[in-house]
């Protein structure tokens, strides 16, 4: 039992140092890498699709600073979408969409 307790302490110390070094260097975790890859792929597909079949009205709120699964920023994202939608609705009366 004493050996197990010592082993757990050493293991916790190792992982604490490992996490601290990773955070210190700014190394992204696997989920950040996967999410960024998916976002890039999705952005390229959307861009290609919009070139071949342009939208009449495109609403693009600035959300790049909100990370995937960052639920604490949900209200901020909703408000950004609301403001972007209001701005887009104002452009509906512009002659360029006529």
PDB file of N, CA and C in Angstrom:
ATOM      1  N   UNK A   1       0.824  -1.200   0.000  1.00  0.00           N
ATOM      2  CA  UNK A   1       0.000   0.000   0.000  1.00  0.00           C
ATOM      3  C   UNK A   1       0.868   1.264   0.000  1.00  0.00           C
ATOM      4  N   UNK A   2       1.949   1.231   0.753  1.00  0.00           N
ATOM      5  CA  UNK A   2       2.860   2.384   0.789  1.00  0.00           C
ATOM      6  C   UNK A   2       3.471   2.606  -0.588  1.00  0.00           C
ATOM      7  N   UNK A   3       3.786   1.496  -1.261  1.00  0.00           N
ATOM      8  CA  UNK A   3       4.342   1.613  -2.608  1.00  0.00           C
ATOM      9  C   UNK A   3       3.338   2.268  -3.554  1.00  0.00           C
ATOM     10  N   UNK A   4       2.068   1.857  -3.476  1.00  0.00           N
ATOM     11  CA  UNK A   4       1.030   2.428  -4.338  1.00  0.00           C
ATOM     12  C   UNK A   4       0.848   3.918  -4.083  1.00  0.00           C
ATOM     13  N   UNK A   5       0.870   4.306  -2.817  1.00  0.00           N
ATOM     14  CA  UNK A   5       0.723   5.728  -2.483  1.00  0.00           C
ATOM     15  C   UNK A   5       1.893   6.525  -3.047  1.00  0.00           C
ATOM     16  N   UNK A   6       3.104   5.990  -2.890  1.00  0.00           N
ATOM     17  CA  UNK A   6       4.288   6.674  -3.429  1.00  0.00           C
ATOM     18  C   UNK A   6       4.205   6.753  -4.953  1.00  0.00           C
ATOM     19  N   UNK A   7       3.799   5.660  -5.574  1.00  0.00           N
ATOM     20  CA  UNK A   7       3.666   5.624  -7.032  1.00  0.00           C
ATOM     21  C   UNK A   7       2.679   6.692  -7.510  1.00  0.00           C
ATOM     22  N   UNK A   8       1.546   6.803  -6.838  1.00  0.00           N
ATOM     23  CA  UNK A   8       0.541   7.808  -7.213  1.00  0.00           C
ATOM     24  C   UNK A   8       1.087   9.219  -7.068  1.00  0.00           C
ATOM     25  N   UNK A   9       1.821   9.483  -5.984  1.00  0.00           N
ATOM     26  CA  UNK A   9       2.411  10.819  -5.796  1.00  0.00           C
ATOM     27  C   UNK A   9       3.383  11.148  -6.917  1.00  0.00           C
ATOM     28  N   UNK A  10       4.238  10.182  -7.251  1.00  0.00           N
ATOM     29  CA  UNK A  10       5.223  10.405  -8.319  1.00  0.00           C
ATOM     30  C   UNK A  10       4.536  10.601  -9.667  1.00  0.00           C
ATOM     31  N   UNK A  11       3.514   9.789  -9.902  1.00  0.00           N
ATOM     32  CA  UNK A  11       2.773   9.910 -11.156  1.00  0.00           C
ATOM     33  C   UNK A  11       2.092  11.272 -11.246  1.00  0.00           C
ATOM     34  N   UNK A  12       1.460  11.713 -10.181  1.00  0.00           N
ATOM     35  CA  UNK A  12       0.816  13.033 -10.168  1.00  0.00           C
ATOM     36  C   UNK A  12       1.834  14.146 -10.373  1.00  0.00           C
ATOM     37  N   UNK A  13       2.993  14.004  -9.733  1.00  0.00           N
ATOM     38  CA  UNK A  13       4.045  15.011  -9.903  1.00  0.00           C
ATOM     39  C   UNK A  13       4.508  15.072 -11.358  1.00  0.00           C
ATOM     40  N   UNK A  14       4.694  13.901 -11.965  1.00  0.00           N
ATOM     41  CA  UNK A  14       5.119  13.851 -13.364  1.00  0.00           C
ATOM     42  C   UNK A  14       4.108  14.543 -14.267  1.00  0.00           C
ATOM     43  N   UNK A  15       2.812  14.180 -14.132  1.00  0.00           N
ATOM     44  CA  UNK A  15       1.788  14.752 -15.006  1.00  0.00           C
ATOM     45  C   UNK A  15       1.608  16.242 -14.760  1.00  0.00           C
ATOM     46  N   UNK A  16       1.778  16.669 -13.516  1.00  0.00           N
ATOM     47  CA  UNK A  16       1.691  18.107 -13.225  1.00  0.00           C
ATOM     48  C   UNK A  16       2.795  18.859 -13.949  1.00  0.00           C
ATOM     49  N   UNK A  17       4.007  18.315 -13.902  1.00  0.00           N
ATOM     50  CA  UNK A  17       5.122  18.958 -14.612  1.00  0.00           C
ATOM     51  C   UNK A  17       4.906  18.919 -16.123  1.00  0.00           C
ATOM     52  N   UNK A  18       4.423  17.785 -16.615  1.00  0.00           N
ATOM     53  CA  UNK A  18       4.182  17.643 -18.052  1.00  0.00           C
ATOM     54  C   UNK A  18       3.165  18.675 -18.533  1.00  0.00           C
ATOM     55  N   UNK A  19       2.041  18.805 -17.819  1.00  0.00           N
ATOM     56  CA  UNK A  19       1.011  19.778 -18.193  1.00  0.00           C
ATOM     57  C   UNK A  19       1.546  21.201 -18.122  1.00  0.00           C
ATOM     58  N   UNK A  20       2.324  21.488 -17.081  1.00  0.00           N
ATOM     59  CA  UNK A  20       2.885  22.838 -16.930  1.00  0.00           C
ATOM     60  C   UNK A  20       3.814  23.157 -18.095  1.00  0.00           C
ATOM     61  N   UNK A  21       4.661  22.211 -18.485  1.00  0.00           N
ATOM     62  CA  UNK A  21       5.576  22.438 -19.618  1.00  0.00           C
ATOM     63  C   UNK A  21       4.800  22.632 -20.913  1.00  0.00           C
ATOM     64  N   UNK A  22       3.770  21.815 -21.116  1.00  0.00           N
ATOM     65  CA  UNK A  22       2.969  21.925 -22.336  1.00  0.00           C
ATOM     66  C   UNK A  22       2.292  23.285 -22.401  1.00  0.00           C
ATOM     67  N   UNK A  23       1.723  23.727 -21.292  1.00  0.00           N
ATOM     68  CA  UNK A  23       1.052  25.026 -21.263  1.00  0.00           C
ATOM     69  C   UNK A  23       2.056  26.157 -21.426  1.00  0.00           C
ATOM     70  N   UNK A  24       3.239  25.990 -20.838  1.00  0.00           N
ATOM     71  CA  UNK A  24       4.292  27.000 -20.934  1.00  0.00           C
ATOM     72  C   UNK A  24       4.722  27.200 -22.386  1.00  0.00           C
ATOM     73  N   UNK A  25       4.830  26.116 -23.125  1.00  0.00           N
ATOM     74  CA  UNK A  25       5.234  26.193 -24.529  1.00  0.00           C
ATOM     75  C   UNK A  25       4.079  26.523 -25.457  1.00  0.00           C
ATOM     76  N   UNK A  26       2.874  26.497 -24.943  1.00  0.00           N
ATOM     77  CA  UNK A  26       1.719  26.788 -25.775  1.00  0.00           C
ATOM     78  C   UNK A  26       1.380  25.668 -26.742  1.00  0.00           C
ATOM     79  N   UNK A  27       1.729  24.452 -26.385  1.00  0.00           N
ATOM     80  CA  UNK A  27       1.457  23.302 -27.244  1.00  0.00           C
ATOM     81  C   UNK A  27      -0.037  22.999 -27.194  1.00  0.00           C
ATOM     82  N   UNK A  28      -0.702  22.965 -28.351  1.00  0.00           N
ATOM     83  CA  UNK A  28      -2.142  22.673 -28.356  1.00  0.00           C
ATOM     84  C   UNK A  28      -2.394  21.196 -28.052  1.00  0.00           C
ATOM     85  N   UNK A  29      -3.542  20.922 -27.472  1.00  0.00           N
ATOM     86  CA  UNK A  29      -3.873  19.521 -27.237  1.00  0.00           C
ATOM     87  C   UNK A  29      -4.511  18.947 -28.506  1.00  0.00           C
ATOM     88  N   UNK A  30      -4.731  17.653 -28.521  1.00  0.00           N
ATOM     89  CA  UNK A  30      -5.226  16.971 -29.717  1.00  0.00           C
ATOM     90  C   UNK A  30      -6.591  17.495 -30.144  1.00  0.00           C
ATOM     91  N   UNK A  31      -7.429  17.882 -29.191  1.00  0.00           N
ATOM     92  CA  UNK A  31      -8.755  18.391 -29.544  1.00  0.00           C
ATOM     93  C   UNK A  31      -8.657  19.746 -30.241  1.00  0.00           C
ATOM     94  N   UNK A  32      -7.715  20.586 -29.799  1.00  0.00           N
ATOM     95  CA  UNK A  32      -7.501  21.870 -30.476  1.00  0.00           C
ATOM     96  C   UNK A  32      -7.039  21.652 -31.914  1.00  0.00           C
ATOM     97  N   UNK A  33      -6.141  20.697 -32.102  1.00  0.00           N
ATOM     98  CA  UNK A  33      -5.626  20.404 -33.443  1.00  0.00           C
ATOM     99  C   UNK A  33      -6.749  19.883 -34.342  1.00  0.00           C
ATOM    100  N   UNK A  34      -7.529  18.939 -33.843  1.00  0.00           N
ATOM    101  CA  UNK A  34      -8.633  18.385 -34.635  1.00  0.00           C
ATOM    102  C   UNK A  34      -9.681  19.443 -34.959  1.00  0.00           C
ATOM    103  N   UNK A  35     -10.028  20.253 -33.970  1.00  0.00           N
ATOM    104  CA  UNK A  35     -11.032  21.294 -34.182  1.00  0.00           C
ATOM    105  C   UNK A  35     -10.559  22.305 -35.213  1.00  0.00           C
ATOM    106  N   UNK A  36      -9.299  22.718 -35.102  1.00  0.00           N
ATOM    107  CA  UNK A  36      -8.754  23.671 -36.069  1.00  0.00           C
ATOM    108  C   UNK A  36      -8.748  23.072 -37.471  1.00  0.00           C
ATOM    109  N   UNK A  37      -8.379  21.809 -37.588  1.00  0.00           N
ATOM    110  CA  UNK A  37      -8.374  21.138 -38.893  1.00  0.00           C
ATOM    111  C   UNK A  37      -9.773  21.088 -39.494  1.00  0.00           C
ATOM    112  N   UNK A  38     -10.745  20.746 -38.683  1.00  0.00           N
ATOM    113  CA  UNK A  38     -12.132  20.684 -39.161  1.00  0.00           C
ATOM    114  C   UNK A  38     -12.616  22.067 -39.565  1.00  0.00           C
ATOM    115  N   UNK A  39     -12.269  23.087 -38.778  1.00  0.00           N
ATOM    116  CA  UNK A  39     -12.674  24.456 -39.113  1.00  0.00           C
ATOM    117  C   UNK A  39     -12.086  24.914 -40.440  1.00  0.00           C
ATOM    118  N   UNK A  40     -10.827  24.584 -40.684  1.00  0.00           N
ATOM    119  CA  UNK A  40     -10.188  24.951 -41.955  1.00  0.00           C
ATOM    120  C   UNK A  40     -10.888  24.248 -43.108  1.00  0.00           C
ATOM    121  N   UNK A  41     -11.124  22.955 -42.961  1.00  0.00           N
ATOM    122  CA  UNK A  41     -11.809  22.183 -43.999  1.00  0.00           C
ATOM    123  C   UNK A  41     -13.197  22.746 -44.272  1.00  0.00           C
ATOM    124  N   UNK A  42     -13.931  23.014 -43.214  1.00  0.00           N
ATOM    125  CA  UNK A  42     -15.286  23.552 -43.350  1.00  0.00           C
ATOM    126  C   UNK A  42     -15.269  24.925 -44.029  1.00  0.00           C
ATOM    127  N   UNK A  43     -14.306  25.745 -43.673  1.00  0.00           N
ATOM    128  CA  UNK A  43     -14.187  27.076 -44.268  1.00  0.00           C
ATOM    129  C   UNK A  43     -13.901  26.993 -45.767  1.00  0.00           C
ATOM    130  N   UNK A  44     -13.022  26.096 -46.147  1.00  0.00           N
ATOM    131  CA  UNK A  44     -12.689  25.941 -47.574  1.00  0.00           C
ATOM    132  C   UNK A  44     -13.876  25.408 -48.368  1.00  0.00           C
ATOM    133  N   UNK A  45     -14.584  24.452 -47.817  1.00  0.00           N
ATOM    134  CA  UNK A  45     -15.767  23.905 -48.492  1.00  0.00           C
ATOM    135  C   UNK A  45     -16.821  24.990 -48.657  1.00  0.00           C
ATOM    136  N   UNK A  46     -17.051  25.761 -47.590  1.00  0.00           N
ATOM    137  CA  UNK A  46     -18.042  26.840 -47.641  1.00  0.00           C
ATOM    138  C   UNK A  46     -17.652  27.885 -48.672  1.00  0.00           C
ATOM    139  N   UNK A  47     -16.380  28.259 -48.690  1.00  0.00           N
ATOM    140  CA  UNK A  47     -15.898  29.261 -49.643  1.00  0.00           C
ATOM    141  C   UNK A  47     -16.098  28.794 -51.085  1.00  0.00           C
ATOM    142  N   UNK A  48     -15.753  27.550 -51.358  1.00  0.00           N
ATOM    143  CA  UNK A  48     -15.929  26.993 -52.701  1.00  0.00           C
ATOM    144  C   UNK A  48     -17.400  26.953 -53.077  1.00  0.00           C
ATOM    145  N   UNK A  49     -18.222  26.550 -52.142  1.00  0.00           N
ATOM    146  CA  UNK A  49     -19.659  26.463 -52.400  1.00  0.00           C
ATOM    147  C   UNK A  49     -20.261  27.842 -52.676  1.00  0.00           C
ATOM    148  N   UNK A  50     -19.825  28.848 -51.909  1.00  0.00           N
ATOM    149  CA  UNK A  50     -20.349  30.203 -52.101  1.00  0.00           C
ATOM    150  C   UNK A  50     -19.909  30.805 -53.438  1.00  0.00           C
ATOM    151  N   UNK A  51     -18.751  30.390 -53.933  1.00  0.00           N
ATOM    152  CA  UNK A  51     -18.302  30.877 -55.238  1.00  0.00           C
ATOM    153  C   UNK A  51     -19.172  30.323 -56.354  1.00  0.00           C
ATOM    154  N   UNK A  52     -19.546  29.062 -56.242  1.00  0.00           N
ATOM    155  CA  UNK A  52     -20.347  28.449 -57.301  1.00  0.00           C
ATOM    156  C   UNK A  52     -21.838  28.737 -57.154  1.00  0.00           C
ATOM    157  N   UNK A  53     -22.285  28.993 -55.942  1.00  0.00           N
ATOM    158  CA  UNK A  53     -23.703  29.241 -55.687  1.00  0.00           C
ATOM    159  C   UNK A  53     -23.823  30.337 -54.629  1.00  0.00           C
ATOM    160  N   UNK A  54     -23.621  31.602 -55.028  1.00  0.00           N
ATOM    161  CA  UNK A  54     -23.596  32.690 -54.046  1.00  0.00           C
ATOM    162  C   UNK A  54     -24.923  32.858 -53.310  1.00  0.00           C
ATOM    163  N   UNK A  55     -24.807  33.232 -52.057  1.00  0.00           N
ATOM    164  CA  UNK A  55     -25.993  33.467 -51.225  1.00  0.00           C
ATOM    165  C   UNK A  55     -26.552  34.855 -51.503  1.00  0.00           C
ATOM    166  N   UNK A  56     -27.852  35.008 -51.350  1.00  0.00           N
ATOM    167  CA  UNK A  56     -28.467  36.328 -51.473  1.00  0.00           C
ATOM    168  C   UNK A  56     -28.084  37.205 -50.286  1.00  0.00           C
ATOM    169  N   UNK A  57     -27.984  36.596 -49.142  1.00  0.00           N
ATOM    170  CA  UNK A  57     -27.634  37.319 -47.922  1.00  0.00           C
ATOM    171  C   UNK A  57     -26.785  36.392 -47.059  1.00  0.00           C
ATOM    172  N   UNK A  58     -25.614  36.858 -46.677  1.00  0.00           N
ATOM    173  CA  UNK A  58     -24.700  36.044 -45.883  1.00  0.00           C
ATOM    174  C   UNK A  58     -24.469  36.718 -44.534  1.00  0.00           C
ATOM    175  N   UNK A  59     -24.761  36.014 -43.470  1.00  0.00           N
ATOM    176  CA  UNK A  59     -24.567  36.534 -42.116  1.00  0.00           C
ATOM    177  C   UNK A  59     -23.352  35.831 -41.525  1.00  0.00           C
ATOM    178  N   UNK A  60     -22.318  36.617 -41.212  1.00  0.00           N
ATOM    179  CA  UNK A  60     -21.086  36.051 -40.680  1.00  0.00           C
ATOM    180  C   UNK A  60     -20.646  36.802 -39.426  1.00  0.00           C
ATOM    181  N   UNK A  61     -21.144  36.416 -38.276  1.00  0.00           N
ATOM    182  CA  UNK A  61     -20.695  37.071 -37.045  1.00  0.00           C
ATOM    183  C   UNK A  61     -19.232  36.729 -36.755  1.00  0.00           C
ATOM    184  N   UNK A  62     -18.535  37.632 -36.095  1.00  0.00           N
ATOM    185  CA  UNK A  62     -17.141  37.393 -35.716  1.00  0.00           C
ATOM    186  C   UNK A  62     -17.113  36.462 -34.502  1.00  0.00           C
ATOM    187  N   UNK A  63     -16.782  35.207 -34.745  1.00  0.00           N
ATOM    188  CA  UNK A  63     -16.783  34.214 -33.672  1.00  0.00           C
ATOM    189  C   UNK A  63     -15.464  33.453 -33.572  1.00  0.00           C
ATOM    190  N   UNK A  64     -14.462  33.890 -34.322  1.00  0.00           N
ATOM    191  CA  UNK A  64     -13.196  33.164 -34.365  1.00  0.00           C
ATOM    192  C   UNK A  64     -12.484  33.035 -33.034  1.00  0.00           C
ATOM    193  N   UNK A  65     -12.747  33.929 -32.124  1.00  0.00           N
ATOM    194  CA  UNK A  65     -12.086  33.892 -30.815  1.00  0.00           C
ATOM    195  C   UNK A  65     -12.767  32.936 -29.835  1.00  0.00           C
ATOM    196  N   UNK A  66     -13.943  32.434 -30.182  1.00  0.00           N
ATOM    197  CA  UNK A  66     -14.657  31.498 -29.307  1.00  0.00           C
ATOM    198  C   UNK A  66     -14.262  30.083 -29.709  1.00  0.00           C
ATOM    199  N   UNK A  67     -13.743  29.337 -28.747  1.00  0.00           N
ATOM    200  CA  UNK A  67     -13.257  27.992 -29.030  1.00  0.00           C
ATOM    201  C   UNK A  67     -14.398  26.977 -29.003  1.00  0.00           C
ATOM    202  N   UNK A  68     -14.155  25.858 -29.667  1.00  0.00           N
ATOM    203  CA  UNK A  68     -15.095  24.748 -29.722  1.00  0.00           C
ATOM    204  C   UNK A  68     -15.410  24.270 -28.306  1.00  0.00           C
ATOM    205  N   UNK A  69     -16.663  24.053 -28.019  1.00  0.00           N
ATOM    206  CA  UNK A  69     -17.152  23.597 -26.716  1.00  0.00           C
ATOM    207  C   UNK A  69     -16.901  24.602 -25.592  1.00  0.00           C
ATOM    208  N   UNK A  70     -16.708  25.863 -25.934  1.00  0.00           N
ATOM    209  CA  UNK A  70     -16.522  26.905 -24.922  1.00  0.00           C
ATOM    210  C   UNK A  70     -17.903  27.461 -24.569  1.00  0.00           C
ATOM    211  N   UNK A  71     -18.632  26.669 -23.822  1.00  0.00           N
ATOM    212  CA  UNK A  71     -20.021  26.995 -23.512  1.00  0.00           C
ATOM    213  C   UNK A  71     -20.162  28.267 -22.694  1.00  0.00           C
ATOM    214  N   UNK A  72     -19.117  28.636 -21.983  1.00  0.00           N
ATOM    215  CA  UNK A  72     -19.185  29.852 -21.170  1.00  0.00           C
ATOM    216  C   UNK A  72     -19.291  31.103 -22.041  1.00  0.00           C
ATOM    217  N   UNK A  73     -18.974  30.989 -23.326  1.00  0.00           N
ATOM    218  CA  UNK A  73     -19.059  32.125 -24.247  1.00  0.00           C
ATOM    219  C   UNK A  73     -20.312  32.077 -25.117  1.00  0.00           C
ATOM    220  N   UNK A  74     -21.251  31.221 -24.764  1.00  0.00           N
ATOM    221  CA  UNK A  74     -22.458  31.061 -25.584  1.00  0.00           C
ATOM    222  C   UNK A  74     -23.218  32.370 -25.738  1.00  0.00           C
ATOM    223  N   UNK A  75     -23.416  33.079 -24.644  1.00  0.00           N
ATOM    224  CA  UNK A  75     -24.170  34.333 -24.709  1.00  0.00           C
ATOM    225  C   UNK A  75     -23.469  35.341 -25.616  1.00  0.00           C
ATOM    226  N   UNK A  76     -22.153  35.397 -25.534  1.00  0.00           N
ATOM    227  CA  UNK A  76     -21.384  36.297 -26.395  1.00  0.00           C
ATOM    228  C   UNK A  76     -21.579  35.937 -27.871  1.00  0.00           C
ATOM    229  N   UNK A  77     -21.582  34.649 -28.183  1.00  0.00           N
ATOM    230  CA  UNK A  77     -21.801  34.200 -29.552  1.00  0.00           C
ATOM    231  C   UNK A  77     -23.198  34.519 -30.047  1.00  0.00           C
ATOM    232  N   UNK A  78     -24.175  34.339 -29.181  1.00  0.00           N
ATOM    233  CA  UNK A  78     -25.567  34.649 -29.536  1.00  0.00           C
ATOM    234  C   UNK A  78     -25.715  36.137 -29.832  1.00  0.00           C
ATOM    235  N   UNK A  79     -25.119  36.959 -28.974  1.00  0.00           N
ATOM    236  CA  UNK A  79     -25.207  38.411 -29.179  1.00  0.00           C
ATOM    237  C   UNK A  79     -24.499  38.841 -30.462  1.00  0.00           C
ATOM    238  N   UNK A  80     -23.356  38.227 -30.753  1.00  0.00           N
ATOM    239  CA  UNK A  80     -22.641  38.550 -31.994  1.00  0.00           C
ATOM    240  C   UNK A  80     -23.485  38.169 -33.203  1.00  0.00           C
ATOM    241  N   UNK A  81     -24.136  37.022 -33.144  1.00  0.00           N
ATOM    242  CA  UNK A  81     -25.018  36.601 -34.230  1.00  0.00           C
ATOM    243  C   UNK A  81     -26.203  37.524 -34.398  1.00  0.00           C
ATOM    244  N   UNK A  82     -26.761  37.954 -33.289  1.00  0.00           N
ATOM    245  CA  UNK A  82     -27.901  38.872 -33.321  1.00  0.00           C
ATOM    246  C   UNK A  82     -27.506  40.194 -33.970  1.00  0.00           C
ATOM    247  N   UNK A  83     -26.362  40.743 -33.565  1.00  0.00           N
ATOM    248  CA  UNK A  83     -25.897  42.013 -34.134  1.00  0.00           C
ATOM    249  C   UNK A  83     -25.580  41.865 -35.626  1.00  0.00           C
ATOM    250  N   UNK A  84     -24.968  40.748 -36.003  1.00  0.00           N
ATOM    251  CA  UNK A  84     -24.654  40.515 -37.417  1.00  0.00           C
ATOM    252  C   UNK A  84     -25.933  40.376 -38.236  1.00  0.00           C
ATOM    253  N   UNK A  85     -26.948  39.728 -37.672  1.00  0.00           N
ATOM    254  CA  UNK A  85     -28.229  39.571 -38.373  1.00  0.00           C
ATOM    255  C   UNK A  85     -28.918  40.918 -38.544  1.00  0.00           C
ATOM    256  N   UNK A  86     -28.876  41.760 -37.504  1.00  0.00           N
ATOM    257  CA  UNK A  86     -29.476  43.096 -37.618  1.00  0.00           C
ATOM    258  C   UNK A  86     -28.783  43.908 -38.713  1.00  0.00           C
ATOM    259  N   UNK A  87     -27.461  43.835 -38.764  1.00  0.00           N
ATOM    260  CA  UNK A  87     -26.718  44.564 -39.793  1.00  0.00           C
ATOM    261  C   UNK A  87     -27.049  44.026 -41.181  1.00  0.00           C
ATOM    262  N   UNK A  88     -27.187  42.715 -41.300  1.00  0.00           N
ATOM    263  CA  UNK A  88     -27.516  42.109 -42.591  1.00  0.00           C
ATOM    264  C   UNK A  88     -28.920  42.495 -43.032  1.00  0.00           C
ATOM    265  N   UNK A  89     -29.844  42.561 -42.095  1.00  0.00           N
ATOM    266  CA  UNK A  89     -31.215  42.950 -42.438  1.00  0.00           C
ATOM    267  C   UNK A  89     -31.272  44.383 -42.963  1.00  0.00           C
ATOM    268  N   UNK A  90     -30.436  45.249 -42.415  1.00  0.00           N
ATOM    269  CA  UNK A  90     -30.382  46.629 -42.907  1.00  0.00           C
ATOM    270  C   UNK A  90     -29.928  46.668 -44.362  1.00  0.00           C
ATOM    271  N   UNK A  91     -29.044  45.735 -44.725  1.00  0.00           N
ATOM    272  CA  UNK A  91     -28.537  45.723 -46.100  1.00  0.00           C
ATOM    273  C   UNK A  91     -29.573  45.204 -47.096  1.00  0.00           C
ATOM    274  N   UNK A  92     -30.648  44.579 -46.619  1.00  0.00           N
ATOM    275  CA  UNK A  92     -31.684  44.084 -47.528  1.00  0.00           C
ATOM    276  C   UNK A  92     -32.334  45.211 -48.320  1.00  0.00           C
ATOM    277  N   UNK A  93     -32.380  46.385 -47.743  1.00  0.00           N
ATOM    278  CA  UNK A  93     -33.002  47.506 -48.448  1.00  0.00           C
ATOM    279  C   UNK A  93     -32.023  48.213 -49.371  1.00  0.00           C
ATOM    280  N   UNK A  94     -30.751  47.749 -49.383  1.00  0.00           N
ATOM    281  CA  UNK A  94     -29.771  48.408 -50.253  1.00  0.00           C
ATOM    282  C   UNK A  94     -30.011  48.000 -51.706  1.00  0.00           C
ATOM    283  N   UNK A  95     -29.710  48.880 -52.649  1.00  0.00           N
ATOM    284  CA  UNK A  95     -29.958  48.593 -54.067  1.00  0.00           C
ATOM    285  C   UNK A  95     -29.118  47.449 -54.623  1.00  0.00           C
ATOM    286  N   UNK A  96     -28.024  47.073 -53.939  1.00  0.00           N
ATOM    287  CA  UNK A  96     -27.152  46.028 -54.481  1.00  0.00           C
ATOM    288  C   UNK A  96     -27.829  44.664 -54.521  1.00  0.00           C
ATOM    289  N   UNK A  97     -28.848  44.447 -53.684  1.00  0.00           N
ATOM    290  CA  UNK A  97     -29.551  43.161 -53.703  1.00  0.00           C
ATOM    291  C   UNK A  97     -30.745  43.155 -54.650  1.00  0.00           C
ATOM    292  N   UNK A  98     -31.134  44.318 -55.118  1.00  0.00           N
ATOM    293  CA  UNK A  98     -32.304  44.496 -55.948  1.00  0.00           C
ATOM    294  C   UNK A  98     -32.504  43.482 -56.957  1.00  0.00           C
TER     295      UNK A  98
END
